[in-house]
C-alpha atoms as a PDB file:
ATOM      1  CA  MET A   1      54.243 182.922  53.179  1.00  0.00           C
ATOM      2  CA  ASN A   2      55.347 186.436  53.405  1.00  0.00           C
ATOM      3  CA  GLY A   3      58.739 186.363  51.634  1.00  0.00           C
ATOM      4  CA  ALA A   4      60.372 188.748  48.838  1.00  0.00           C
ATOM      5  CA  HIS A   5      58.726 186.349  46.365  1.00  0.00           C
ATOM      6  CA  ASP A   6      55.310 188.347  46.773  1.00  0.00           C
ATOM      7  CA  LEU A   7      55.822 191.422  45.341  1.00  0.00           C
ATOM      8  CA  GLY A   8      52.770 192.419  43.944  1.00  0.00           C
ATOM      9  CA  GLY A   9      51.600 196.083  44.879  1.00  0.00           C
ATOM     10  CA  SER A  10      54.640 197.007  46.028  1.00  0.00           C
ATOM     11  CA  HIS A  11      56.937 200.209  44.951  1.00  0.00           C
ATOM     12  CA  GLY A  12      60.782 200.811  44.243  1.00  0.00           C
ATOM     13  CA  HIS A  13      61.642 197.713  42.001  1.00  0.00           C
ATOM     14  CA  GLY A  14      61.908 199.392  38.569  1.00  0.00           C
ATOM     15  CA  PRO A  15      59.723 199.040  35.534  1.00  0.00           C
ATOM     16  CA  ILE A  16      59.613 195.626  33.774  1.00  0.00           C
ATOM     17  CA  ASN A  17      61.304 195.395  30.763  1.00  0.00           C
ATOM     18  CA  PRO A  18      61.424 192.329  28.708  1.00  0.00           C
ATOM     19  CA  ASP A  19      63.847 191.542  26.071  1.00  0.00           C
ATOM     20  CA  PRO A  20      61.834 190.175  23.250  1.00  0.00           C
ATOM     21  CA  ASN A  21      64.652 187.983  21.916  1.00  0.00           C
ATOM     22  CA  GLU A  22      65.657 186.771  25.386  1.00  0.00           C
ATOM     23  CA  PRO A  23      67.078 183.178  25.195  1.00  0.00           C
ATOM     24  CA  LEU A  24      65.355 180.539  27.068  1.00  0.00           C
ATOM     25  CA  PHE A  25      68.757 180.274  28.999  1.00  0.00           C
ATOM     26  CA  SER A  26      71.589 182.848  29.270  1.00  0.00           C
ATOM     27  CA  GLN A  27      74.366 181.031  30.265  1.00  0.00           C
ATOM     28  CA  GLU A  28      74.865 176.931  30.142  1.00  0.00           C
ATOM     29  CA  TRP A  29      74.609 176.108  33.967  1.00  0.00           C
ATOM     30  CA  GLU A  30      70.981 177.622  33.793  1.00  0.00           C
ATOM     31  CA  ARG A  31      69.642 174.802  31.326  1.00  0.00           C
ATOM     32  CA  ARG A  32      71.984 172.175  33.381  1.00  0.00           C
ATOM     33  CA  CYS A  33      69.390 173.720  36.576  1.00  0.00           C
ATOM     34  CA  PHE A  34      66.144 173.118  34.485  1.00  0.00           C
ATOM     35  CA  ALA A  35      67.296 170.053  33.198  1.00  0.00           C
ATOM     36  CA  VAL A  36      68.485 168.189  36.643  1.00  0.00           C
ATOM     37  CA  THR A  37      65.204 170.098  38.528  1.00  0.00           C
ATOM     38  CA  LEU A  38      63.060 168.366  35.852  1.00  0.00           C
ATOM     39  CA  ALA A  39      64.640 164.826  36.095  1.00  0.00           C
ATOM     40  CA  MET A  40      64.680 165.118  40.020  1.00  0.00           C
ATOM     41  CA  GLY A  41      60.872 166.398  39.902  1.00  0.00           C
ATOM     42  CA  PHE A  42      60.089 163.082  37.953  1.00  0.00           C
ATOM     43  CA  THR A  43      61.377 161.390  40.611  1.00  0.00           C
ATOM     44  CA  GLY A  44      58.236 161.799  43.314  1.00  0.00           C
ATOM     45  CA  GLN A  45      60.286 162.622  46.285  1.00  0.00           C
ATOM     46  CA  TRP A  46      58.321 166.207  46.496  1.00  0.00           C
ATOM     47  CA  ASN A  47      55.609 168.096  44.372  1.00  0.00           C
ATOM     48  CA  ILE A  48      55.311 171.170  42.515  1.00  0.00           C
ATOM     49  CA  ASP A  49      54.045 172.781  45.505  1.00  0.00           C
ATOM     50  CA  GLN A  50      56.773 171.897  47.485  1.00  0.00           C
ATOM     51  CA  ALA A  51      59.390 172.814  44.772  1.00  0.00           C
ATOM     52  CA  ARG A  52      57.758 176.076  45.056  1.00  0.00           C
ATOM     53  CA  PHE A  53      58.082 176.931  48.854  1.00  0.00           C
ATOM     54  CA  ALA A  54      61.635 175.639  48.418  1.00  0.00           C
ATOM     55  CA  ARG A  55      62.787 178.194  46.521  1.00  0.00           C
ATOM     56  CA  GLU A  56      61.097 180.841  48.615  1.00  0.00           C
ATOM     57  CA  THR A  57      62.676 180.061  51.419  1.00  0.00           C
ATOM     58  CA  MET A  58      65.484 181.470  50.285  1.00  0.00           C
ATOM     59  CA  ARG A  59      66.744 184.731  52.089  1.00  0.00           C
ATOM     60  CA  PRO A  60      64.744 188.183  51.329  1.00  0.00           C
ATOM     61  CA  GLY A  61      67.776 189.812  50.463  1.00  0.00           C
ATOM     62  CA  LYS A  62      69.419 187.278  48.669  1.00  0.00           C
ATOM     63  CA  TYR A  63      66.317 186.352  46.767  1.00  0.00           C
ATOM     64  CA  LEU A  64      65.738 189.748  45.316  1.00  0.00           C
ATOM     65  CA  GLU A  65      70.074 190.146  44.484  1.00  0.00           C
ATOM     66  CA  THR A  66      69.699 186.571  42.196  1.00  0.00           C
ATOM     67  CA  THR A  67      68.651 185.196  39.287  1.00  0.00           C
ATOM     68  CA  TYR A  68      65.720 183.564  38.163  1.00  0.00           C
ATOM     69  CA  TYR A  69      67.675 180.349  37.876  1.00  0.00           C
ATOM     70  CA  GLU A  70      69.259 180.845  41.127  1.00  0.00           C
ATOM     71  CA  HIS A  71      66.137 180.593  42.716  1.00  0.00           C
ATOM     72  CA  TRP A  72      65.556 177.223  41.312  1.00  0.00           C
ATOM     73  CA  LEU A  73      69.315 175.881  41.937  1.00  0.00           C
ATOM     74  CA  HIS A  74      68.492 176.983  46.002  1.00  0.00           C
ATOM     75  CA  GLY A  75      65.271 175.177  45.573  1.00  0.00           C
ATOM     76  CA  LEU A  76      66.828 172.150  44.406  1.00  0.00           C
ATOM     77  CA  GLU A  77      69.735 171.989  46.648  1.00  0.00           C
ATOM     78  CA  SER A  78      67.314 172.655  49.889  1.00  0.00           C
ATOM     79  CA  LEU A  79      64.683 169.832  48.076  1.00  0.00           C
ATOM     80  CA  LEU A  80      67.825 166.898  48.104  1.00  0.00           C
ATOM     81  CA  LEU A  81      69.412 168.008  51.359  1.00  0.00           C
ATOM     82  CA  ASP A  82      65.914 167.772  53.407  1.00  0.00           C
ATOM     83  CA  ARG A  83      65.136 164.507  51.557  1.00  0.00           C
ATOM     84  CA  LYS A  84      69.231 163.548  52.226  1.00  0.00           C
ATOM     85  CA  LEU A  85      69.594 162.637  48.465  1.00  0.00           C
ATOM     86  CA  ILE A  86      73.298 164.617  49.319  1.00  0.00           C
ATOM     87  CA  SER A  87      75.143 165.857  51.578  1.00  0.00           C
ATOM     88  CA  GLN A  88      75.935 168.943  53.052  1.00  0.00           C
ATOM     89  CA  SER A  89      79.586 167.855  51.923  1.00  0.00           C
ATOM     90  CA  GLU A  90      78.762 166.406  48.838  1.00  0.00           C
ATOM     91  CA  LEU A  91      77.576 169.901  47.902  1.00  0.00           C
ATOM     92  CA  LYS A  92      80.131 171.637  49.231  1.00  0.00           C
ATOM     93  CA  SER A  93      82.634 169.664  47.279  1.00  0.00           C
ATOM     94  CA  LYS A  94      80.931 168.907  44.085  1.00  0.00           C
ATOM     95  CA  LYS A  95      81.336 165.130  44.453  1.00  0.00           C
ATOM     96  CA  ALA A  96      79.565 162.272  45.198  1.00  0.00           C
ATOM     97  CA  GLN A  97      81.165 160.481  48.458  1.00  0.00           C
ATOM     98  CA  ASN A  98      77.913 158.444  49.373  1.00  0.00           C
ATOM     99  CA  THR A  99      76.063 155.435  47.874  1.00  0.00           C
ATOM    100  CA  PRO A 100      73.036 156.979  45.922  1.00  0.00           C
ATOM    101  CA  LYS A 101      69.735 156.823  47.365  1.00  0.00           C
ATOM    102  CA  THR A 102      67.749 154.300  45.103  1.00  0.00           C
ATOM    103  CA  LEU A 103      64.953 155.661  43.171  1.00  0.00           C
ATOM    104  CA  SER A 104      61.535 154.486  42.026  1.00  0.00           C
ATOM    105  CA  ARG A 105      61.107 156.419  39.103  1.00  0.00           C
ATOM    106  CA  ILE A 106      63.754 158.172  36.839  1.00  0.00           C
ATOM    107  CA  LEU A 107      63.297 160.033  33.611  1.00  0.00           C
ATOM    108  CA  LYS A 108      65.041 158.761  30.747  1.00  0.00           C
ATOM    109  CA  ALA A 109      66.435 161.111  28.319  1.00  0.00           C
ATOM    110  CA  GLU A 110      64.223 159.352  25.411  1.00  0.00           C
ATOM    111  CA  ASP A 111      61.183 160.337  27.891  1.00  0.00           C
ATOM    112  CA  VAL A 112      62.085 164.223  28.117  1.00  0.00           C
ATOM    113  CA  ALA A 113      59.654 165.184  25.034  1.00  0.00           C
ATOM    114  CA  PRO A 114      56.572 162.300  26.006  1.00  0.00           C
ATOM    115  CA  ALA A 115      56.173 163.265  29.791  1.00  0.00           C
ATOM    116  CA  LEU A 116      56.390 167.191  29.196  1.00  0.00           C
ATOM    117  CA  GLU A 117      53.618 167.019  26.455  1.00  0.00           C
ATOM    118  CA  LYS A 118      51.806 165.074  28.708  1.00  0.00           C
ATOM    119  CA  GLY A 119      52.219 167.098  31.740  1.00  0.00           C
ATOM    120  CA  GLY A 120      50.673 166.520  34.953  1.00  0.00           C
ATOM    121  CA  SER A 121      47.440 168.212  35.882  1.00  0.00           C
ATOM    122  CA  ALA A 122      46.453 169.429  39.251  1.00  0.00           C
ATOM    123  CA  ARG A 123      42.815 169.750  38.396  1.00  0.00           C
ATOM    124  CA  ARG A 124      40.507 166.948  39.986  1.00  0.00           C
ATOM    125  CA  GLN A 125      36.977 165.148  40.092  1.00  0.00           C
ATOM    126  CA  GLU A 126      34.667 167.390  40.917  1.00  0.00           C
ATOM    127  CA  VAL A 127      32.080 165.896  44.084  1.00  0.00           C
ATOM    128  CA  GLY A 128      29.144 167.875  44.725  1.00  0.00           C
ATOM    129  CA  ASN A 129      28.047 171.871  44.208  1.00  0.00           C
ATOM    130  CA  ALA A 130      30.981 174.987  44.138  1.00  0.00           C
ATOM    131  CA  LYS A 131      30.356 176.954  47.513  1.00  0.00           C
ATOM    132  CA  PHE A 132      30.183 179.986  45.446  1.00  0.00           C
ATOM    133  CA  SER A 133      28.516 180.972  42.382  1.00  0.00           C
ATOM    134  CA  ILE A 134      29.232 183.419  39.354  1.00  0.00           C
ATOM    135  CA  GLY A 135      28.483 186.813  40.104  1.00  0.00           C
ATOM    136  CA  ASP A 136      28.757 186.053  44.203  1.00  0.00           C
ATOM    137  CA  PHE A 137      30.999 188.787  45.993  1.00  0.00           C
ATOM    138  CA  VAL A 138      33.565 187.194  48.316  1.00  0.00           C
ATOM    139  CA  ILE A 139      35.807 188.715  51.376  1.00  0.00           C
ATOM    140  CA  THR A 140      39.196 187.156  50.940  1.00  0.00           C
ATOM    141  CA  LYS A 141      40.639 185.937  54.383  1.00  0.00           C
ATOM    142  CA  ASN A 142      43.491 187.963  56.217  1.00  0.00           C
ATOM    143  CA  ILE A 143      46.034 184.840  56.518  1.00  0.00           C
ATOM    144  CA  HIS A 144      49.422 184.816  56.736  1.00  0.00           C
ATOM    145  CA  PRO A 145      50.448 180.948  56.078  1.00  0.00           C
ATOM    146  CA  ALA A 146      53.963 180.388  57.069  1.00  0.00           C
ATOM    147  CA  ASN A 147      54.109 177.901  54.003  1.00  0.00           C
ATOM    148  CA  HIS A 148      53.475 178.363  50.396  1.00  0.00           C
ATOM    149  CA  THR A 149      50.124 179.778  49.381  1.00  0.00           C
ATOM    150  CA  ARG A 150      48.600 181.509  46.033  1.00  0.00           C
ATOM    151  CA  LEU A 151      46.985 183.715  48.243  1.00  0.00           C
ATOM    152  CA  PRO A 152      48.883 187.210  46.967  1.00  0.00           C
ATOM    153  CA  ARG A 153      49.295 189.650  50.059  1.00  0.00           C
ATOM    154  CA  TYR A 154      47.527 192.886  48.361  1.00  0.00           C
ATOM    155  CA  VAL A 155      44.421 191.116  47.845  1.00  0.00           C
ATOM    156  CA  ARG A 156      43.639 189.657  51.049  1.00  0.00           C
ATOM    157  CA  GLY A 157      40.911 191.364  53.390  1.00  0.00           C
ATOM    158  CA  ARG A 158      39.476 192.888  49.739  1.00  0.00           C
ATOM    159  CA  ARG A 159      36.326 192.625  48.414  1.00  0.00           C
ATOM    160  CA  GLY A 160      36.102 190.935  44.897  1.00  0.00           C
ATOM    161  CA  LYS A 161      33.475 188.781  43.089  1.00  0.00           C
ATOM    162  CA  ILE A 162      33.053 185.520  41.015  1.00  0.00           C
ATOM    163  CA  ASP A 163      33.142 185.903  37.850  1.00  0.00           C
ATOM    164  CA  ARG A 164      34.464 182.333  36.800  1.00  0.00           C
ATOM    165  CA  ILE A 165      34.321 178.978  38.228  1.00  0.00           C
ATOM    166  CA  HIS A 166      37.403 176.546  36.875  1.00  0.00           C
ATOM    167  CA  GLY A 167      36.557 173.456  38.788  1.00  0.00           C
ATOM    168  CA  VAL A 168      38.657 171.412  41.420  1.00  0.00           C
ATOM    169  CA  PHE A 169      41.638 171.505  41.425  1.00  0.00           C
ATOM    170  CA  VAL A 170      44.668 170.479  44.392  1.00  0.00           C
ATOM    171  CA  PHE A 171      44.772 173.206  47.150  1.00  0.00           C
ATOM    172  CA  PRO A 172      48.659 174.616  47.117  1.00  0.00           C
ATOM    173  CA  ASP A 173      48.911 175.357  51.167  1.00  0.00           C
ATOM    174  CA  THR A 174      48.400 171.487  52.311  1.00  0.00           C
ATOM    175  CA  ASN A 175      50.208 170.261  49.484  1.00  0.00           C
ATOM    176  CA  SER A 176      53.731 172.407  50.030  1.00  0.00           C
ATOM    177  CA  ALA A 177      53.356 171.306  53.697  1.00  0.00           C
ATOM    178  CA  GLY A 178      53.204 167.435  52.300  1.00  0.00           C
ATOM    179  CA  LEU A 179      49.962 166.992  54.029  1.00  0.00           C
ATOM    180  CA  SER A 180      47.399 166.339  51.703  1.00  0.00           C
ATOM    181  CA  GLU A 181      45.799 167.272  48.215  1.00  0.00           C
ATOM    182  CA  LYS A 182      42.736 168.584  49.769  1.00  0.00           C
ATOM    183  CA  PRO A 183      41.175 169.292  46.047  1.00  0.00           C
ATOM    184  CA  GLN A 184      38.378 171.973  46.212  1.00  0.00           C
ATOM    185  CA  TRP A 185      37.151 174.197  43.669  1.00  0.00           C
ATOM    186  CA  LEU A 186      39.100 177.332  42.087  1.00  0.00           C
ATOM    187  CA  TYR A 187      37.849 180.391  41.418  1.00  0.00           C
ATOM    188  CA  ALA A 188      38.717 183.372  38.796  1.00  0.00           C
ATOM    189  CA  VAL A 189      37.807 186.816  41.037  1.00  0.00           C
ATOM    190  CA  ARG A 190      37.768 189.561  40.260  1.00  0.00           C
ATOM    191  CA  PHE A 191      38.794 192.797  42.132  1.00  0.00           C
ATOM    192  CA  GLU A 192      38.227 196.662  41.148  1.00  0.00           C
ATOM    193  CA  GLY A 193      41.057 198.509  41.422  1.00  0.00           C
ATOM    194  CA  GLU A 194      39.710 201.007  43.473  1.00  0.00           C
ATOM    195  CA  GLU A 195      38.937 198.048  46.132  1.00  0.00           C
ATOM    196  CA  LEU A 196      43.165 197.165  45.773  1.00  0.00           C
ATOM    197  CA  TRP A 197      44.457 200.943  45.600  1.00  0.00           C
ATOM    198  CA  GLY A 198      41.669 203.093  46.751  1.00  0.00           C
ATOM    199  CA  GLU A 199      41.979 206.686  45.003  1.00  0.00           C
ATOM    200  CA  ASP A 200      45.269 206.082  43.110  1.00  0.00           C
ATOM    201  CA  ALA A 201      43.821 203.441  41.120  1.00  0.00           C
ATOM    202  CA  GLU A 202      43.873 203.903  37.678  1.00  0.00           C
ATOM    203  CA  PRO A 203      40.227 204.283  36.445  1.00  0.00           C
ATOM    204  CA  ASN A 204      38.165 201.341  35.630  1.00  0.00           C
ATOM    205  CA  SER A 205      41.039 199.101  36.510  1.00  0.00           C
ATOM    206  CA  CYS A 206      40.345 196.039  37.685  1.00  0.00           C
ATOM    207  CA  THR A 207      42.406 192.347  38.304  1.00  0.00           C
ATOM    208  CA  TYR A 208      41.355 188.872  38.265  1.00  0.00           C
ATOM    209  CA  VAL A 209      43.101 186.316  40.421  1.00  0.00           C
ATOM    210  CA  ASP A 210      41.883 182.456  40.643  1.00  0.00           C
ATOM    211  CA  LEU A 211      41.705 182.136  44.525  1.00  0.00           C
ATOM    212  CA  TRP A 212      40.479 178.560  46.591  1.00  0.00           C
ATOM    213  CA  ASP A 213      37.389 178.026  48.822  1.00  0.00           C
ATOM    214  CA  ASP A 214      39.838 178.239  51.415  1.00  0.00           C
ATOM    215  CA  TYR A 215      40.593 181.837  50.939  1.00  0.00           C
ATOM    216  CA  LEU A 216      37.446 183.221  50.991  1.00  0.00           C
ATOM    217  CA  GLU A 217      34.200 184.274  52.290  1.00  0.00           C
ATOM    218  CA  GLN A 218      30.594 185.376  51.689  1.00  0.00           C
ATOM    219  CA  ALA A 219      30.598 188.885  51.301  1.00  0.00           C
END
């Protein structure tokens, strides 16, 4: 999706000056937003790529004006409304008005730490051989899907080199659309700075991007 979240290579947003002492949550509502989003994710009503796509659907102007956890809140509200877990009137009034929907999976407080420690890997069983080998030159496809994608705009249609083969992983584009996991090989692709930025590139610079089979063609 070509949204405001995909800012790689764009100008005018100012320098990034992270605060080394910045707290995990600057306000209490951010902590609560994170907790509710985490708890709802464990119910199985949506997958991680659908959650990312929901955040990306925020209007571009609004996205750029709001904070990280405001993006999370927008995504959570969108998913809850889409799955009919809450209604618009409940969201507006901030009060439950209907009988809660029964969920088959619930993350209890005592299970949070073990669940986070266990995680949820997107790696899948390897079947057959990888389409590309280390050292192969590839061209990224110039595609513009309307759903979630992990192919940044600034590398589309660019020539790179396979640097590493990670294995087989869930394909975000189809997973975010609720179609299928469509597991496929994932590679670390090296792009030379000049290939991405032309003569203005920093000398001897390069960028590594993790990309799936469906994004790549043999150069």
